[in-house]
PDB file of N, CA and C in Angstrom:
ATOM      1  N   MET A   1      12.527 101.437  -8.133  1.00  0.00           N
ATOM      2  CA  MET A   1      12.997 101.868  -8.109  1.00  0.00           C
ATOM      3  C   MET A   1      13.004 103.342  -9.535  1.00  0.00           C
ATOM      4  N   ILE A   2      11.931 104.136 -10.246  1.00  0.00           N
ATOM      5  CA  ILE A   2      11.201 104.897 -10.263  1.00  0.00           C
ATOM      6  C   ILE A   2      10.898 105.983  -8.736  1.00  0.00           C
ATOM      7  N   ASN A   3      10.262 105.361  -8.136  1.00  0.00           N
ATOM      8  CA  ASN A   3      10.429 106.074  -7.535  1.00  0.00           C
ATOM      9  C   ASN A   3      11.307 107.040  -6.423  1.00  0.00           C
ATOM     10  N   SER A   4      12.637 106.591  -5.826  1.00  0.00           N
ATOM     11  CA  SER A   4      13.116 106.614  -5.267  1.00  0.00           C
ATOM     12  C   SER A   4      14.613 107.667  -6.359  1.00  0.00           C
ATOM     13  N   ILE A   5      13.999 107.197  -7.898  1.00  0.00           N
ATOM     14  CA  ILE A   5      14.584 107.906  -8.457  1.00  0.00           C
ATOM     15  C   ILE A   5      13.860 109.956  -8.503  1.00  0.00           C
ATOM     16  N   MET A   6      12.730 110.005  -8.661  1.00  0.00           N
ATOM     17  CA  MET A   6      11.616 110.835  -8.390  1.00  0.00           C
ATOM     18  C   MET A   6      11.564 111.116  -6.604  1.00  0.00           C
ATOM     19  N   CYS A   7      11.742 110.989  -6.075  1.00  0.00           N
ATOM     20  CA  CYS A   7      12.239 111.125  -4.428  1.00  0.00           C
ATOM     21  C   CYS A   7      13.067 112.475  -4.572  1.00  0.00           C
ATOM     22  N   ARG A   8      14.415 111.604  -4.430  1.00  0.00           N
ATOM     23  CA  ARG A   8      15.636 112.602  -4.406  1.00  0.00           C
ATOM     24  C   ARG A   8      15.657 114.136  -6.000  1.00  0.00           C
ATOM     25  N   ILE A   9      14.773 113.605  -7.318  1.00  0.00           N
ATOM     26  CA  ILE A   9      13.736 114.598  -7.947  1.00  0.00           C
ATOM     27  C   ILE A   9      14.478 115.989  -6.923  1.00  0.00           C
ATOM     28  N   LEU A  10      12.804 115.010  -6.783  1.00  0.00           N
ATOM     29  CA  LEU A  10      11.710 116.229  -5.902  1.00  0.00           C
ATOM     30  C   LEU A  10      12.651 117.344  -4.379  1.00  0.00           C
ATOM     31  N   THR A  11      13.554 116.436  -4.387  1.00  0.00           N
ATOM     32  CA  THR A  11      14.024 116.297  -2.690  1.00  0.00           C
ATOM     33  C   THR A  11      15.385 117.534  -2.613  1.00  0.00           C
ATOM     34  N   LYS A  12      16.093 117.095  -3.961  1.00  0.00           N
ATOM     35  CA  LYS A  12      16.773 118.599  -4.642  1.00  0.00           C
ATOM     36  C   LYS A  12      15.783 119.675  -4.592  1.00  0.00           C
ATOM     37  N   ASN A  13      14.814 118.925  -5.301  1.00  0.00           N
ATOM     38  CA  ASN A  13      14.232 120.756  -6.106  1.00  0.00           C
ATOM     39  C   ASN A  13      13.330 121.644  -4.766  1.00  0.00           C
ATOM     40  N   PHE A  14      12.829 120.797  -3.953  1.00  0.00           N
ATOM     41  CA  PHE A  14      12.716 121.532  -2.965  1.00  0.00           C
ATOM     42  C   PHE A  14      13.625 121.967  -1.854  1.00  0.00           C
ATOM     43  N   THR A  15      14.674 121.216  -1.369  1.00  0.00           N
ATOM     44  CA  THR A  15      16.073 121.840  -0.477  1.00  0.00           C
ATOM     45  C   THR A  15      16.272 123.288  -2.043  1.00  0.00           C
ATOM     46  N   LYS A  16      16.530 123.077  -2.945  1.00  0.00           N
ATOM     47  CA  LYS A  16      16.602 124.739  -3.659  1.00  0.00           C
ATOM     48  C   LYS A  16      15.615 125.847  -3.452  1.00  0.00           C
ATOM     49  N   LEU A  17      14.553 125.264  -3.684  1.00  0.00           N
ATOM     50  CA  LEU A  17      13.024 126.052  -3.470  1.00  0.00           C
ATOM     51  C   LEU A  17      13.438 126.860  -1.764  1.00  0.00           C
ATOM     52  N   GLY A  18      13.250 125.767  -1.191  1.00  0.00           N
ATOM     53  CA  GLY A  18      13.329 126.161   0.024  1.00  0.00           C
ATOM     54  C   GLY A  18      14.759 127.354   0.929  1.00  0.00           C
ATOM     55  N   GLN A  19      15.614 127.816  -0.465  1.00  0.00           N
ATOM     56  CA  GLN A  19      17.635 128.088  -0.531  1.00  0.00           C
ATOM     57  C   GLN A  19      17.366 129.170  -0.884  1.00  0.00           C
ATOM     58  N   LEU A  20      16.274 129.589  -1.764  1.00  0.00           N
ATOM     59  CA  LEU A  20      15.646 130.184  -1.935  1.00  0.00           C
ATOM     60  C   LEU A  20      14.836 131.217  -1.670  1.00  0.00           C
ATOM     61  N   ALA A  21      13.678 130.811  -1.165  1.00  0.00           N
ATOM     62  CA  ALA A  21      12.831 130.887  -0.192  1.00  0.00           C
ATOM     63  C   ALA A  21      13.449 132.613   0.887  1.00  0.00           C
ATOM     64  N   TYR A  22      14.199 131.599   1.544  1.00  0.00           N
ATOM     65  CA  TYR A  22      15.145 131.618   2.877  1.00  0.00           C
ATOM     66  C   TYR A  22      16.383 133.551   2.621  1.00  0.00           C
ATOM     67  N   LYS A  23      16.969 132.858   1.173  1.00  0.00           N
ATOM     68  CA  LYS A  23      17.220 133.851   1.031  1.00  0.00           C
ATOM     69  C   LYS A  23      16.355 135.067   0.297  1.00  0.00           C
ATOM     70  N   ASN A  24      14.910 135.451   0.402  1.00  0.00           N
ATOM     71  CA  ASN A  24      14.554 136.388  -0.605  1.00  0.00           C
ATOM     72  C   ASN A  24      13.967 136.984   1.111  1.00  0.00           C
ATOM     73  N   SER A  25      13.194 135.761   1.677  1.00  0.00           N
ATOM     74  CA  SER A  25      12.990 136.190   2.560  1.00  0.00           C
ATOM     75  C   SER A  25      13.828 137.148   4.269  1.00  0.00           C
ATOM     76  N   PHE A  26      15.320 136.758   4.179  1.00  0.00           N
ATOM     77  CA  PHE A  26      16.264 137.557   4.851  1.00  0.00           C
ATOM     78  C   PHE A  26      16.611 138.603   3.603  1.00  0.00           C
ATOM     79  N   THR A  27      16.283 139.113   2.940  1.00  0.00           N
ATOM     80  CA  THR A  27      17.106 140.334   1.993  1.00  0.00           C
ATOM     81  C   THR A  27      15.144 141.739   2.792  1.00  0.00           C
ATOM     82  N   LEU A  28      14.226 140.863   2.810  1.00  0.00           N
ATOM     83  CA  LEU A  28      13.612 141.584   2.027  1.00  0.00           C
ATOM     84  C   LEU A  28      12.731 141.644   4.051  1.00  0.00           C
ATOM     85  N   LEU A  29      13.727 141.248   5.259  1.00  0.00           N
ATOM     86  CA  LEU A  29      13.253 141.628   6.236  1.00  0.00           C
ATOM     87  C   LEU A  29      14.472 141.999   6.257  1.00  0.00           C
ATOM     88  N   SER A  30      15.612 142.099   5.588  1.00  0.00           N
ATOM     89  CA  SER A  30      16.887 143.152   6.665  1.00  0.00           C
ATOM     90  C   SER A  30      16.739 144.922   5.324  1.00  0.00           C
ATOM     91  N   LYS A  31      16.178 145.125   4.647  1.00  0.00           N
ATOM     92  CA  LYS A  31      15.890 146.091   4.301  1.00  0.00           C
ATOM     93  C   LYS A  31      14.463 146.775   5.505  1.00  0.00           C
ATOM     94  N   GLU A  32      13.849 145.493   5.824  1.00  0.00           N
ATOM     95  CA  GLU A  32      12.266 146.183   6.263  1.00  0.00           C
ATOM     96  C   GLU A  32      13.540 147.075   7.634  1.00  0.00           C
ATOM     97  N   ARG A  33      14.010 146.164   8.060  1.00  0.00           N
ATOM     98  CA  ARG A  33      14.833 146.487  10.034  1.00  0.00           C
ATOM     99  C   ARG A  33      15.928 147.686   9.148  1.00  0.00           C
ATOM    100  N   GLN A  34      16.785 147.411   7.470  1.00  0.00           N
ATOM    101  CA  GLN A  34      17.503 148.812   7.848  1.00  0.00           C
ATOM    102  C   GLN A  34      16.491 149.888   7.889  1.00  0.00           C
ATOM    103  N   ALA A  35      14.781 150.147   7.159  1.00  0.00           N
ATOM    104  CA  ALA A  35      13.908 151.092   7.004  1.00  0.00           C
ATOM    105  C   ALA A  35      13.909 151.010   8.450  1.00  0.00           C
ATOM    106  N   TYR A  36      13.128 150.856   9.647  1.00  0.00           N
ATOM    107  CA  TYR A  36      12.597 150.785  10.858  1.00  0.00           C
ATOM    108  C   TYR A  36      14.419 151.680  12.109  1.00  0.00           C
ATOM    109  N   LEU A  37      15.095 151.176  11.285  1.00  0.00           N
ATOM    110  CA  LEU A  37      15.601 151.427  12.122  1.00  0.00           C
ATOM    111  C   LEU A  37      16.420 153.562  11.416  1.00  0.00           C
ATOM    112  N   SER A  38      16.399 153.446   9.940  1.00  0.00           N
ATOM    113  CA  SER A  38      16.802 154.552  10.078  1.00  0.00           C
ATOM    114  C   SER A  38      15.400 156.021   9.897  1.00  0.00           C
ATOM    115  N   ALA A  39      14.614 155.101  10.682  1.00  0.00           N
ATOM    116  CA  ALA A  39      13.155 156.233  11.192  1.00  0.00           C
ATOM    117  C   ALA A  39      13.738 156.222  13.079  1.00  0.00           C
ATOM    118  N   LYS A  40      13.891 155.766  13.225  1.00  0.00           N
ATOM    119  CA  LYS A  40      13.732 155.622  14.995  1.00  0.00           C
ATOM    120  C   LYS A  40      15.340 156.722  14.902  1.00  0.00           C
ATOM    121  N   ILE A  41      16.237 156.345  14.533  1.00  0.00           N
ATOM    122  CA  ILE A  41      17.796 157.226  14.718  1.00  0.00           C
ATOM    123  C   ILE A  41      16.922 159.026  13.884  1.00  0.00           C
ATOM    124  N   GLU A  42      15.487 159.064  12.664  1.00  0.00           N
ATOM    125  CA  GLU A  42      15.281 160.557  12.508  1.00  0.00           C
ATOM    126  C   GLU A  42      14.498 161.076  13.055  1.00  0.00           C
ATOM    127  N   GLU A  43      13.887 160.414  13.857  1.00  0.00           N
ATOM    128  CA  GLU A  43      13.139 160.245  15.552  1.00  0.00           C
ATOM    129  C   GLU A  43      13.225 160.810  16.416  1.00  0.00           C
ATOM    130  N   LEU A  44      14.420 159.729  16.309  1.00  0.00           N
ATOM    131  CA  LEU A  44      15.816 161.282  17.944  1.00  0.00           C
ATOM    132  C   LEU A  44      16.936 161.981  17.184  1.00  0.00           C
ATOM    133  N   GLU A  45      17.554 161.667  16.344  1.00  0.00           N
ATOM    134  CA  GLU A  45      16.987 163.542  16.075  1.00  0.00           C
ATOM    135  C   GLU A  45      16.474 164.451  15.966  1.00  0.00           C
ATOM    136  N   THR A  46      15.080 164.569  15.328  1.00  0.00           N
ATOM    137  CA  THR A  46      13.736 165.368  15.514  1.00  0.00           C
ATOM    138  C   THR A  46      13.761 165.817  16.555  1.00  0.00           C
ATOM    139  N   ASN A  47      14.029 164.387  18.333  1.00  0.00           N
ATOM    140  CA  ASN A  47      13.718 165.227  19.587  1.00  0.00           C
ATOM    141  C   ASN A  47      14.571 165.972  19.757  1.00  0.00           C
ATOM    142  N   ASN A  48      16.546 165.562  19.583  1.00  0.00           N
ATOM    143  CA  ASN A  48      17.494 166.361  20.286  1.00  0.00           C
ATOM    144  C   ASN A  48      17.048 167.136  19.791  1.00  0.00           C
ATOM    145  N   LYS A  49      17.239 168.448  17.849  1.00  0.00           N
ATOM    146  CA  LYS A  49      16.477 169.412  17.776  1.00  0.00           C
ATOM    147  C   LYS A  49      16.186 169.726  18.010  1.00  0.00           C
ATOM    148  N   PHE A  50      14.660 170.165  18.143  1.00  0.00           N
ATOM    149  CA  PHE A  50      13.713 170.613  18.919  1.00  0.00           C
ATOM    150  C   PHE A  50      13.304 170.297  20.803  1.00  0.00           C
ATOM    151  N   GLN A  51      14.854 169.747  20.928  1.00  0.00           N
ATOM    152  CA  GLN A  51      14.554 169.945  22.679  1.00  0.00           C
ATOM    153  C   GLN A  51      13.948 168.890  23.405  1.00  0.00           C
ATOM    154  N   ASN A  52      13.549 168.293  22.695  1.00  0.00           N
ATOM    155  CA  ASN A  52      12.621 166.713  23.606  1.00  0.00           C
ATOM    156  C   ASN A  52      13.666 165.442  24.111  1.00  0.00           C
ATOM    157  N   ILE A  53      13.247 166.179  25.191  1.00  0.00           N
ATOM    158  CA  ILE A  53      14.732 166.007  26.077  1.00  0.00           C
ATOM    159  C   ILE A  53      14.350 163.919  26.594  1.00  0.00           C
ATOM    160  N   ARG A  54      12.800 164.060  27.103  1.00  0.00           N
ATOM    161  CA  ARG A  54      12.095 163.191  27.851  1.00  0.00           C
ATOM    162  C   ARG A  54      11.601 161.745  26.419  1.00  0.00           C
ATOM    163  N   ASP A  55      11.727 162.290  25.663  1.00  0.00           N
ATOM    164  CA  ASP A  55      11.425 161.586  24.141  1.00  0.00           C
ATOM    165  C   ASP A  55      12.565 161.229  24.021  1.00  0.00           C
ATOM    166  N   LEU A  56      13.708 161.769  24.017  1.00  0.00           N
ATOM    167  CA  LEU A  56      14.932 161.219  23.431  1.00  0.00           C
ATOM    168  C   LEU A  56      15.440 160.243  24.170  1.00  0.00           C
ATOM    169  N   TYR A  57      15.286 160.810  25.338  1.00  0.00           N
ATOM    170  CA  TYR A  57      16.383 159.342  26.621  1.00  0.00           C
ATOM    171  C   TYR A  57      15.141 158.068  27.078  1.00  0.00           C
ATOM    172  N   ARG A  58      14.304 158.627  26.037  1.00  0.00           N
ATOM    173  CA  ARG A  58      13.005 157.455  26.124  1.00  0.00           C
ATOM    174  C   ARG A  58      13.949 156.146  25.135  1.00  0.00           C
ATOM    175  N   GLY A  59      13.622 157.525  23.552  1.00  0.00           N
ATOM    176  CA  GLY A  59      13.786 156.211  22.674  1.00  0.00           C
ATOM    177  C   GLY A  59      15.230 155.483  22.842  1.00  0.00           C
ATOM    178  N   ILE A  60      16.449 156.982  23.372  1.00  0.00           N
ATOM    179  CA  ILE A  60      17.332 155.917  23.603  1.00  0.00           C
ATOM    180  C   ILE A  60      17.597 154.059  24.614  1.00  0.00           C
ATOM    181  N   SER A  61      16.894 154.691  25.466  1.00  0.00           N
ATOM    182  CA  SER A  61      16.906 153.648  26.477  1.00  0.00           C
ATOM    183  C   SER A  61      15.823 152.379  26.014  1.00  0.00           C
ATOM    184  N   ASP A  62      14.558 153.198  25.191  1.00  0.00           N
ATOM    185  CA  ASP A  62      14.413 152.094  24.685  1.00  0.00           C
ATOM    186  C   ASP A  62      14.710 150.496  23.487  1.00  0.00           C
ATOM    187  N   PHE A  63      15.942 151.048  22.357  1.00  0.00           N
ATOM    188  CA  PHE A  63      16.457 151.451  20.760  1.00  0.00           C
ATOM    189  C   PHE A  63      18.228 150.451  22.547  1.00  0.00           C
ATOM    190  N   LYS A  64      18.640 150.463  23.312  1.00  0.00           N
ATOM    191  CA  LYS A  64      19.531 150.321  24.357  1.00  0.00           C
ATOM    192  C   LYS A  64      19.274 148.694  24.633  1.00  0.00           C
ATOM    193  N   LYS A  65      18.123 149.386  25.071  1.00  0.00           N
ATOM    194  CA  LYS A  65      17.337 147.027  25.903  1.00  0.00           C
ATOM    195  C   LYS A  65      16.873 146.376  24.285  1.00  0.00           C
ATOM    196  N   GLY A  66      16.755 147.104  23.344  1.00  0.00           N
ATOM    197  CA  GLY A  66      16.307 145.946  22.225  1.00  0.00           C
ATOM    198  C   GLY A  66      14.797 145.363  22.143  1.00  0.00           C
ATOM    199  N   TYR A  67      14.310 144.365  21.805  1.00  0.00           N
ATOM    200  CA  TYR A  67      13.524 143.205  21.402  1.00  0.00           C
ATOM    201  C   TYR A  67      12.967 143.250  22.835  1.00  0.00           C
ATOM    202  N   GLN A  68      11.593 143.073  23.344  1.00  0.00           N
ATOM    203  CA  GLN A  68      11.851 142.973  25.061  1.00  0.00           C
ATOM    204  C   GLN A  68      10.847 141.731  25.006  1.00  0.00           C
ATOM    205  N   SER A  69      10.862 140.426  24.804  1.00  0.00           N
ATOM    206  CA  SER A  69       9.497 140.004  23.242  1.00  0.00           C
ATOM    207  C   SER A  69       8.355 139.661  25.072  1.00  0.00           C
ATOM    208  N   ARG A  70       7.164 139.603  25.205  1.00  0.00           N
ATOM    209  CA  ARG A  70       6.474 139.737  26.517  1.00  0.00           C
ATOM    210  C   ARG A  70       5.331 138.659  26.178  1.00  0.00           C
ATOM    211  N   CYS A  71       4.987 137.821  27.366  1.00  0.00           N
ATOM    212  CA  CYS A  71       4.423 136.914  27.462  1.00  0.00           C
ATOM    213  C   CYS A  71       3.282 136.934  27.914  1.00  0.00           C
ATOM    214  N   ASN A  72       2.830 136.382  27.591  1.00  0.00           N
ATOM    215  CA  ASN A  72       0.358 137.069  28.117  1.00  0.00           C
ATOM    216  C   ASN A  72      -0.084 135.928  28.071  1.00  0.00           C
ATOM    217  N   ILE A  73       0.022 135.478  29.064  1.00  0.00           N
ATOM    218  CA  ILE A  73      -1.002 134.092  29.315  1.00  0.00           C
ATOM    219  C   ILE A  73      -0.536 133.917  31.177  1.00  0.00           C
ATOM    220  N   VAL A  74      -1.724 134.312  31.943  1.00  0.00           N
ATOM    221  CA  VAL A  74      -2.708 134.101  32.764  1.00  0.00           C
ATOM    222  C   VAL A  74      -3.278 132.618  32.999  1.00  0.00           C
ATOM    223  N   LYS A  75      -3.729 132.565  33.923  1.00  0.00           N
ATOM    224  CA  LYS A  75      -3.373 131.266  34.893  1.00  0.00           C
ATOM    225  C   LYS A  75      -4.953 131.278  34.692  1.00  0.00           C
ATOM    226  N   ASP A  76      -6.582 130.151  34.464  1.00  0.00           N
ATOM    227  CA  ASP A  76      -7.661 130.594  35.605  1.00  0.00           C
ATOM    228  C   ASP A  76      -7.926 130.018  36.805  1.00  0.00           C
ATOM    229  N   GLU A  77      -9.485 130.015  37.094  1.00  0.00           N
ATOM    230  CA  GLU A  77      -9.002 129.290  38.437  1.00  0.00           C
ATOM    231  C   GLU A  77      -8.811 127.887  38.687  1.00  0.00           C
ATOM    232  N   LYS A  78      -9.381 127.802  37.098  1.00  0.00           N
ATOM    233  CA  LYS A  78      -9.013 125.863  37.439  1.00  0.00           C
ATOM    234  C   LYS A  78      -7.574 125.807  37.401  1.00  0.00           C
ATOM    235  N   ASP A  79      -6.979 126.514  37.357  1.00  0.00           N
ATOM    236  CA  ASP A  79      -4.885 127.265  36.708  1.00  0.00           C
ATOM    237  C   ASP A  79      -4.903 126.110  35.251  1.00  0.00           C
ATOM    238  N   ASP A  80      -5.912 126.522  34.595  1.00  0.00           N
ATOM    239  CA  ASP A  80      -5.052 126.100  32.967  1.00  0.00           C
ATOM    240  C   ASP A  80      -5.183 127.778  32.030  1.00  0.00           C
ATOM    241  N   LEU A  81      -4.761 127.630  31.406  1.00  0.00           N
ATOM    242  CA  LEU A  81      -3.631 128.724  31.341  1.00  0.00           C
ATOM    243  C   LEU A  81      -4.746 129.555  30.340  1.00  0.00           C
ATOM    244  N   VAL A  82      -4.792 130.121  29.909  1.00  0.00           N
ATOM    245  CA  VAL A  82      -5.533 131.625  28.952  1.00  0.00           C
ATOM    246  C   VAL A  82      -5.024 132.396  28.319  1.00  0.00           C
ATOM    247  N   ALA A  83      -4.690 132.002  26.324  1.00  0.00           N
ATOM    248  CA  ALA A  83      -3.896 133.391  25.939  1.00  0.00           C
ATOM    249  C   ALA A  83      -3.951 134.366  24.945  1.00  0.00           C
ATOM    250  N   ASP A  84      -5.794 134.444  24.739  1.00  0.00           N
ATOM    251  CA  ASP A  84      -5.674 135.123  24.152  1.00  0.00           C
ATOM    252  C   ASP A  84      -7.124 136.304  25.005  1.00  0.00           C
ATOM    253  N   SER A  85      -6.580 137.356  24.196  1.00  0.00           N
ATOM    254  CA  SER A  85      -7.126 139.043  25.493  1.00  0.00           C
ATOM    255  C   SER A  85      -8.368 138.741  25.491  1.00  0.00           C
ATOM    256  N   HIS A  86      -9.339 138.273  24.748  1.00  0.00           N
ATOM    257  CA  HIS A  86     -10.304 137.720  25.261  1.00  0.00           C
ATOM    258  C   HIS A  86     -10.521 137.579  26.892  1.00  0.00           C
ATOM    259  N   GLY A  87     -10.435 136.048  26.784  1.00  0.00           N
ATOM    260  CA  GLY A  87      -9.820 135.247  27.772  1.00  0.00           C
ATOM    261  C   GLY A  87      -9.077 136.270  29.836  1.00  0.00           C
ATOM    262  N   ILE A  88      -8.684 136.502  29.493  1.00  0.00           N
ATOM    263  CA  ILE A  88      -7.112 137.577  30.345  1.00  0.00           C
ATOM    264  C   ILE A  88      -8.245 138.764  30.434  1.00  0.00           C
ATOM    265  N   VAL A  89      -9.088 138.896  30.174  1.00  0.00           N
ATOM    266  CA  VAL A  89      -9.027 140.816  30.431  1.00  0.00           C
ATOM    267  C   VAL A  89     -10.542 139.642  31.254  1.00  0.00           C
ATOM    268  N   ALA A  90     -11.310 138.886  30.288  1.00  0.00           N
ATOM    269  CA  ALA A  90     -12.646 138.347  32.156  1.00  0.00           C
ATOM    270  C   ALA A  90     -11.546 137.689  32.750  1.00  0.00           C
ATOM    271  N   ARG A  91     -10.889 137.580  32.916  1.00  0.00           N
ATOM    272  CA  ARG A  91     -10.175 136.217  34.310  1.00  0.00           C
ATOM    273  C   ARG A  91      -9.924 137.429  34.976  1.00  0.00           C
ATOM    274  N   TRP A  92      -9.173 138.401  34.891  1.00  0.00           N
ATOM    275  CA  TRP A  92      -9.241 139.701  35.148  1.00  0.00           C
ATOM    276  C   TRP A  92     -10.412 140.955  35.583  1.00  0.00           C
ATOM    277  N   ARG A  93     -11.365 140.591  35.192  1.00  0.00           N
ATOM    278  CA  ARG A  93     -12.832 141.188  35.756  1.00  0.00           C
ATOM    279  C   ARG A  93     -13.001 140.427  36.384  1.00  0.00           C
ATOM    280  N   ASN A  94     -13.172 139.273  36.914  1.00  0.00           N
ATOM    281  CA  ASN A  94     -13.326 137.944  37.763  1.00  0.00           C
ATOM    282  C   ASN A  94     -12.801 138.676  38.780  1.00  0.00           C
ATOM    283  N   TYR A  95     -11.144 138.914  38.581  1.00  0.00           N
ATOM    284  CA  TYR A  95     -10.230 138.535  39.792  1.00  0.00           C
ATOM    285  C   TYR A  95     -11.125 139.837  40.684  1.00  0.00           C
ATOM    286  N   PHE A  96     -11.105 140.995  39.612  1.00  0.00           N
ATOM    287  CA  PHE A  96     -11.090 141.907  41.247  1.00  0.00           C
ATOM    288  C   PHE A  96     -12.535 142.039  41.011  1.00  0.00           C
ATOM    289  N   SER A  97     -13.057 141.843  40.882  1.00  0.00           N
ATOM    290  CA  SER A  97     -14.573 141.811  41.552  1.00  0.00           C
ATOM    291  C   SER A  97     -14.323 140.409  42.529  1.00  0.00           C
ATOM    292  N   GLN A  98     -13.565 139.225  42.324  1.00  0.00           N
ATOM    293  CA  GLN A  98     -14.509 139.008  43.675  1.00  0.00           C
ATOM    294  C   GLN A  98     -12.620 139.421  44.629  1.00  0.00           C
ATOM    295  N   LEU A  99     -11.950 140.322  44.074  1.00  0.00           N
ATOM    296  CA  LEU A  99     -10.500 140.369  45.488  1.00  0.00           C
ATOM    297  C   LEU A  99     -11.379 141.422  46.401  1.00  0.00           C
ATOM    298  N   PHE A 100     -12.473 142.693  45.588  1.00  0.00           N
ATOM    299  CA  PHE A 100     -13.238 143.805  46.411  1.00  0.00           C
ATOM    300  C   PHE A 100     -14.279 143.767  45.683  1.00  0.00           C
ATOM    301  N   ASN A 101     -15.176 142.545  46.197  1.00  0.00           N
ATOM    302  CA  ASN A 101     -16.896 142.705  46.596  1.00  0.00           C
ATOM    303  C   ASN A 101     -16.276 141.039  47.489  1.00  0.00           C
ATOM    304  N   VAL A 102     -16.271 142.202  49.056  1.00  0.00           N
ATOM    305  CA  VAL A 102     -16.126 141.465  50.507  1.00  0.00           C
ATOM    306  C   VAL A 102     -17.224 140.260  50.579  1.00  0.00           C
ATOM    307  N   HIS A 103     -17.501 138.762  50.417  1.00  0.00           N
ATOM    308  CA  HIS A 103     -18.424 137.964  50.752  1.00  0.00           C
ATOM    309  C   HIS A 103     -18.924 137.915  52.428  1.00  0.00           C
ATOM    310  N   GLY A 104     -19.043 137.788  53.147  1.00  0.00           N
ATOM    311  CA  GLY A 104     -19.358 137.054  54.704  1.00  0.00           C
ATOM    312  C   GLY A 104     -20.616 138.321  55.156  1.00  0.00           C
ATOM    313  N   VAL A 105     -19.610 139.318  54.818  1.00  0.00           N
ATOM    314  CA  VAL A 105     -19.998 140.616  56.042  1.00  0.00           C
ATOM    315  C   VAL A 105     -20.889 141.975  55.432  1.00  0.00           C
ATOM    316  N   LYS A 106     -22.300 140.951  56.142  1.00  0.00           N
ATOM    317  CA  LYS A 106     -23.420 141.701  56.184  1.00  0.00           C
ATOM    318  C   LYS A 106     -23.072 143.450  56.530  1.00  0.00           C
ATOM    319  N   ASP A 107     -22.378 143.785  56.847  1.00  0.00           N
ATOM    320  CA  ASP A 107     -22.352 145.930  57.932  1.00  0.00           C
ATOM    321  C   ASP A 107     -21.090 145.482  57.431  1.00  0.00           C
ATOM    322  N   VAL A 108     -21.196 146.901  57.176  1.00  0.00           N
ATOM    323  CA  VAL A 108     -19.568 147.702  57.001  1.00  0.00           C
ATOM    324  C   VAL A 108     -19.491 148.098  57.829  1.00  0.00           C
ATOM    325  N   GLY A 109     -20.007 148.549  58.909  1.00  0.00           N
ATOM    326  CA  GLY A 109     -19.689 149.473  60.395  1.00  0.00           C
ATOM    327  C   GLY A 109     -18.854 147.834  61.583  1.00  0.00           C
ATOM    328  N   GLN A 110     -19.166 146.442  60.565  1.00  0.00           N
ATOM    329  CA  GLN A 110     -18.883 145.322  61.555  1.00  0.00           C
ATOM    330  C   GLN A 110     -17.445 145.048  61.603  1.00  0.00           C
ATOM    331  N   ALA A 111     -17.148 145.481  59.393  1.00  0.00           N
ATOM    332  CA  ALA A 111     -15.859 144.950  59.244  1.00  0.00           C
ATOM    333  C   ALA A 111     -15.071 145.703  59.756  1.00  0.00           C
ATOM    334  N   GLU A 112     -13.357 145.177  59.769  1.00  0.00           N
ATOM    335  CA  GLU A 112     -12.369 145.586  60.834  1.00  0.00           C
ATOM    336  C   GLU A 112     -12.075 146.062  59.359  1.00  0.00           C
ATOM    337  N   ILE A 113     -11.473 146.839  60.612  1.00  0.00           N
ATOM    338  CA  ILE A 113     -10.330 148.346  59.094  1.00  0.00           C
ATOM    339  C   ILE A 113      -9.507 148.115  59.798  1.00  0.00           C
ATOM    340  N   HIS A 114      -8.436 148.213  58.954  1.00  0.00           N
ATOM    341  CA  HIS A 114      -6.480 147.915  58.470  1.00  0.00           C
ATOM    342  C   HIS A 114      -7.003 149.571  57.839  1.00  0.00           C
ATOM    343  N   THR A 115      -5.691 150.242  59.491  1.00  0.00           N
ATOM    344  CA  THR A 115      -5.087 151.281  58.892  1.00  0.00           C
ATOM    345  C   THR A 115      -3.108 150.769  58.972  1.00  0.00           C
ATOM    346  N   ALA A 116      -2.245 151.952  58.392  1.00  0.00           N
ATOM    347  CA  ALA A 116      -0.955 152.026  58.605  1.00  0.00           C
ATOM    348  C   ALA A 116      -0.606 152.790  59.860  1.00  0.00           C
ATOM    349  N   GLU A 117      -1.569 153.441  59.959  1.00  0.00           N
ATOM    350  CA  GLU A 117      -1.375 154.782  61.255  1.00  0.00           C
ATOM    351  C   GLU A 117      -1.605 153.828  62.859  1.00  0.00           C
ATOM    352  N   PRO A 118      -1.152 153.477  63.581  1.00  0.00           N
ATOM    353  CA  PRO A 118      -1.836 152.808  64.913  1.00  0.00           C
ATOM    354  C   PRO A 118      -2.630 153.890  65.233  1.00  0.00           C
ATOM    355  N   LEU A 119      -4.321 153.009  65.622  1.00  0.00           N
ATOM    356  CA  LEU A 119      -5.270 154.251  65.890  1.00  0.00           C
ATOM    357  C   LEU A 119      -4.795 154.811  67.278  1.00  0.00           C
ATOM    358  N   VAL A 120      -4.940 156.140  67.865  1.00  0.00           N
ATOM    359  CA  VAL A 120      -4.388 156.482  69.217  1.00  0.00           C
ATOM    360  C   VAL A 120      -6.406 157.337  70.045  1.00  0.00           C
ATOM    361  N   PRO A 121      -6.945 157.081  71.395  1.00  0.00           N
ATOM    362  CA  PRO A 121      -7.783 157.059  71.698  1.00  0.00           C
ATOM    363  C   PRO A 121      -7.624 158.559  72.235  1.00  0.00           C
ATOM    364  N   GLU A 122      -8.738 159.289  72.365  1.00  0.00           N
ATOM    365  CA  GLU A 122      -8.821 160.030  71.920  1.00  0.00           C
ATOM    366  C   GLU A 122      -8.439 160.570  73.525  1.00  0.00           C
ATOM    367  N   PRO A 123      -7.991 161.839  73.737  1.00  0.00           N
ATOM    368  CA  PRO A 123      -7.322 162.312  75.304  1.00  0.00           C
ATOM    369  C   PRO A 123      -8.678 162.753  76.154  1.00  0.00           C
ATOM    370  N   SER A 124      -8.646 162.342  77.301  1.00  0.00           N
ATOM    371  CA  SER A 124     -10.391 162.694  78.356  1.00  0.00           C
ATOM    372  C   SER A 124      -9.966 164.139  78.423  1.00  0.00           C
ATOM    373  N   ALA A 125     -10.724 164.458  78.909  1.00  0.00           N
ATOM    374  CA  ALA A 125     -10.750 165.816  79.322  1.00  0.00           C
ATOM    375  C   ALA A 125     -10.831 166.225  80.593  1.00  0.00           C
TER     376      ALA A 125
END
């Protein structure tokens, strides 16, 4: 009986603490967001004033797009997901070393060369 009463009291207190923490974090994030937007608008006004057209339009397009989340996950040779930055760099390093190092061709002259233009024989004299 006493345990159930204590549980109810603690639950109510934790609920109130959670609501208070939510309000405080929401207020803090709201103030930070407002400061960020003010700085962004000031930067756009400065670019407009000094005729930095490229930076002005780039800032406007970034502002219109909003937040774009990025997914930095790569699959390795075993099809396992790699999420840390060092692992991703190592995976790209391995990929390009395999791509650019042609194995099995001993002489460069024997390798086939693919070009976009067709090979035209030289005219005979």
